[in-house]
Amino acid sequence: MPLSFAPEGHLVRVVCIRAGRGLSRRLIEMGIAPGKVLRVVRTLGAGPVIIEVCGDKSKSVSDRCNLCCTSCGNRIVIGFGTAMKILVEEVARRE
């Protein structure tokens, strides 16, 4: 599913980025790369998406801040169109 449609509060893993070289490179520089786990902080319909990049992808999900990610990543705001190019799979839901 595209990152734009991921529910708020869920952890998702980046499966692939379907964008050109320039945007793909820029996303990777920001820490959004295949295999990385992100926490969806806020989705605003057709507006921007706020995410947090979680820790190292080599660690298991349970090792990353007990699935909360409140202290392990930077918050990033990306546009709806860019978020549509980032395909993700759901990892966990934070209650």
C-alpha atoms as a PDB file:
ATOM      1  CA  MET A   1       0.000   0.000   0.000  1.00  0.00           C
ATOM      2  CA  PRO A   2       1.237   3.553  -0.544  1.00  0.00           C
ATOM      3  CA  LEU A   3       2.504   5.384   2.534  1.00  0.00           C
ATOM      4  CA  SER A   4      -0.225   8.003   1.982  1.00  0.00           C
ATOM      5  CA  PHE A   5      -2.859   5.415   2.940  1.00  0.00           C
ATOM      6  CA  ALA A   6      -1.107   3.970   6.004  1.00  0.00           C
ATOM      7  CA  PRO A   7      -3.138   4.521   9.196  1.00  0.00           C
ATOM      8  CA  GLU A   8      -1.879   6.899  11.860  1.00  0.00           C
ATOM      9  CA  GLY A   9       0.033   5.264  14.706  1.00  0.00           C
ATOM     10  CA  HIS A  10       1.026   2.186  12.725  1.00  0.00           C
ATOM     11  CA  LEU A  11       4.540   0.962  12.076  1.00  0.00           C
ATOM     12  CA  VAL A  12       5.243   0.214   8.436  1.00  0.00           C
ATOM     13  CA  ARG A  13       8.237  -1.171   6.566  1.00  0.00           C
ATOM     14  CA  VAL A  14       9.302   0.390   3.274  1.00  0.00           C
ATOM     15  CA  VAL A  15       8.984  -2.238   0.537  1.00  0.00           C
ATOM     16  CA  CYS A  16      10.092  -0.117  -2.416  1.00  0.00           C
ATOM     17  CA  ILE A  17      10.258   3.405  -3.744  1.00  0.00           C
ATOM     18  CA  ARG A  18       8.721   3.954  -7.168  1.00  0.00           C
ATOM     19  CA  ALA A  19      10.275   7.257  -8.126  1.00  0.00           C
ATOM     20  CA  GLY A  20      13.001   8.655 -10.309  1.00  0.00           C
ATOM     21  CA  ARG A  21      16.675   8.669  -9.402  1.00  0.00           C
ATOM     22  CA  GLY A  22      16.617  12.154  -7.917  1.00  0.00           C
ATOM     23  CA  LEU A  23      13.672  11.646  -5.576  1.00  0.00           C
ATOM     24  CA  SER A  24      14.783   8.135  -4.654  1.00  0.00           C
ATOM     25  CA  ARG A  25      18.226   9.432  -3.710  1.00  0.00           C
ATOM     26  CA  ARG A  26      16.755  12.278  -1.665  1.00  0.00           C
ATOM     27  CA  LEU A  27      14.430   9.918   0.244  1.00  0.00           C
ATOM     28  CA  ILE A  28      17.319   7.566   0.995  1.00  0.00           C
ATOM     29  CA  GLU A  29      19.350  10.539   2.265  1.00  0.00           C
ATOM     30  CA  MET A  30      16.478  11.319   4.652  1.00  0.00           C
ATOM     31  CA  GLY A  31      16.505   7.717   5.909  1.00  0.00           C
ATOM     32  CA  ILE A  32      13.513   6.460   3.924  1.00  0.00           C
ATOM     33  CA  ALA A  33      14.864   3.384   2.163  1.00  0.00           C
ATOM     34  CA  PRO A  34      13.655  -0.158   1.429  1.00  0.00           C
ATOM     35  CA  GLY A  35      13.728  -2.207   4.628  1.00  0.00           C
ATOM     36  CA  LYS A  36      13.464   0.797   6.961  1.00  0.00           C
ATOM     37  CA  VAL A  37      10.666   0.910   9.519  1.00  0.00           C
ATOM     38  CA  LEU A  38       8.611   4.096   9.782  1.00  0.00           C
ATOM     39  CA  ARG A  39       5.962   5.185  12.272  1.00  0.00           C
ATOM     40  CA  VAL A  40       3.079   7.082  10.714  1.00  0.00           C
ATOM     41  CA  VAL A  41       2.541  10.077  12.979  1.00  0.00           C
ATOM     42  CA  ARG A  42      -0.115  11.880  10.983  1.00  0.00           C
ATOM     43  CA  THR A  43      -1.876  11.580   7.645  1.00  0.00           C
ATOM     44  CA  LEU A  44      -3.951  14.517   6.560  1.00  0.00           C
ATOM     45  CA  GLY A  45      -6.104  13.141   3.754  1.00  0.00           C
ATOM     46  CA  ALA A  46      -4.701  14.489   0.532  1.00  0.00           C
ATOM     47  CA  GLY A  47      -2.283  16.688   2.501  1.00  0.00           C
ATOM     48  CA  PRO A  48       1.180  16.066   3.903  1.00  0.00           C
ATOM     49  CA  VAL A  49       2.212  12.914   5.764  1.00  0.00           C
ATOM     50  CA  ILE A  50       4.269  13.108   8.973  1.00  0.00           C
ATOM     51  CA  ILE A  51       6.463  10.103   9.755  1.00  0.00           C
ATOM     52  CA  GLU A  52       9.269   9.075  12.069  1.00  0.00           C
ATOM     53  CA  VAL A  53      12.160   6.974  10.814  1.00  0.00           C
ATOM     54  CA  CYS A  54      12.860   4.177  13.278  1.00  0.00           C
ATOM     55  CA  GLY A  55      16.178   2.573  14.137  1.00  0.00           C
ATOM     56  CA  ASP A  56      18.465   0.288  12.213  1.00  0.00           C
ATOM     57  CA  LYS A  57      16.717  -2.139   9.864  1.00  0.00           C
ATOM     58  CA  SER A  58      19.026  -4.953  10.978  1.00  0.00           C
ATOM     59  CA  LYS A  59      17.414  -4.993  14.441  1.00  0.00           C
ATOM     60  CA  SER A  60      14.167  -6.811  15.003  1.00  0.00           C
ATOM     61  CA  VAL A  61      11.051  -4.667  15.300  1.00  0.00           C
ATOM     62  CA  SER A  62      10.680  -5.484  19.007  1.00  0.00           C
ATOM     63  CA  ASP A  63      14.196  -4.154  19.685  1.00  0.00           C
ATOM     64  CA  ARG A  64      13.284  -0.718  18.385  1.00  0.00           C
ATOM     65  CA  CYS A  65      11.928   1.242  21.339  1.00  0.00           C
ATOM     66  CA  ASN A  66       9.323  -1.441  22.068  1.00  0.00           C
ATOM     67  CA  LEU A  67       7.348  -0.489  18.948  1.00  0.00           C
ATOM     68  CA  CYS A  68       6.852   3.134  19.951  1.00  0.00           C
ATOM     69  CA  CYS A  69       9.679   4.931  18.112  1.00  0.00           C
ATOM     70  CA  THR A  70       9.084   8.106  20.113  1.00  0.00           C
ATOM     71  CA  SER A  71      12.764   8.613  20.778  1.00  0.00           C
ATOM     72  CA  CYS A  72      14.581   6.823  17.985  1.00  0.00           C
ATOM     73  CA  GLY A  73      13.842   8.789  14.842  1.00  0.00           C
ATOM     74  CA  ASN A  74      13.500  12.150  13.225  1.00  0.00           C
ATOM     75  CA  ARG A  75      10.113  13.438  12.186  1.00  0.00           C
ATOM     76  CA  ILE A  76       9.798  14.101   8.495  1.00  0.00           C
ATOM     77  CA  VAL A  77       6.972  15.785   6.612  1.00  0.00           C
ATOM     78  CA  ILE A  78       6.511  14.702   3.008  1.00  0.00           C
ATOM     79  CA  GLY A  79       3.900  15.609   0.468  1.00  0.00           C
ATOM     80  CA  PHE A  80       0.994  13.385  -0.521  1.00  0.00           C
ATOM     81  CA  GLY A  81       2.373  12.749  -4.023  1.00  0.00           C
ATOM     82  CA  THR A  82       5.770  11.721  -2.716  1.00  0.00           C
ATOM     83  CA  ALA A  83       4.155   9.472  -0.090  1.00  0.00           C
ATOM     84  CA  MET A  84       2.184   7.774  -2.884  1.00  0.00           C
ATOM     85  CA  LYS A  85       5.511   6.678  -4.429  1.00  0.00           C
ATOM     86  CA  ILE A  86       6.654   4.939  -1.237  1.00  0.00           C
ATOM     87  CA  LEU A  87       5.149   1.453  -0.978  1.00  0.00           C
ATOM     88  CA  VAL A  88       4.967  -0.002   2.522  1.00  0.00           C
ATOM     89  CA  GLU A  89       3.711  -3.044   4.429  1.00  0.00           C
ATOM     90  CA  GLU A  90       2.222  -2.909   7.907  1.00  0.00           C
ATOM     91  CA  VAL A  91       4.496  -4.167  10.680  1.00  0.00           C
ATOM     92  CA  ALA A  92       2.584  -3.342  13.868  1.00  0.00           C
ATOM     93  CA  ARG A  93       0.021  -1.040  15.373  1.00  0.00           C
ATOM     94  CA  ARG A  94       0.756   1.063  18.431  1.00  0.00           C
ATOM     95  CA  GLU A  95      -2.082   1.294  20.918  1.00  0.00           C
END
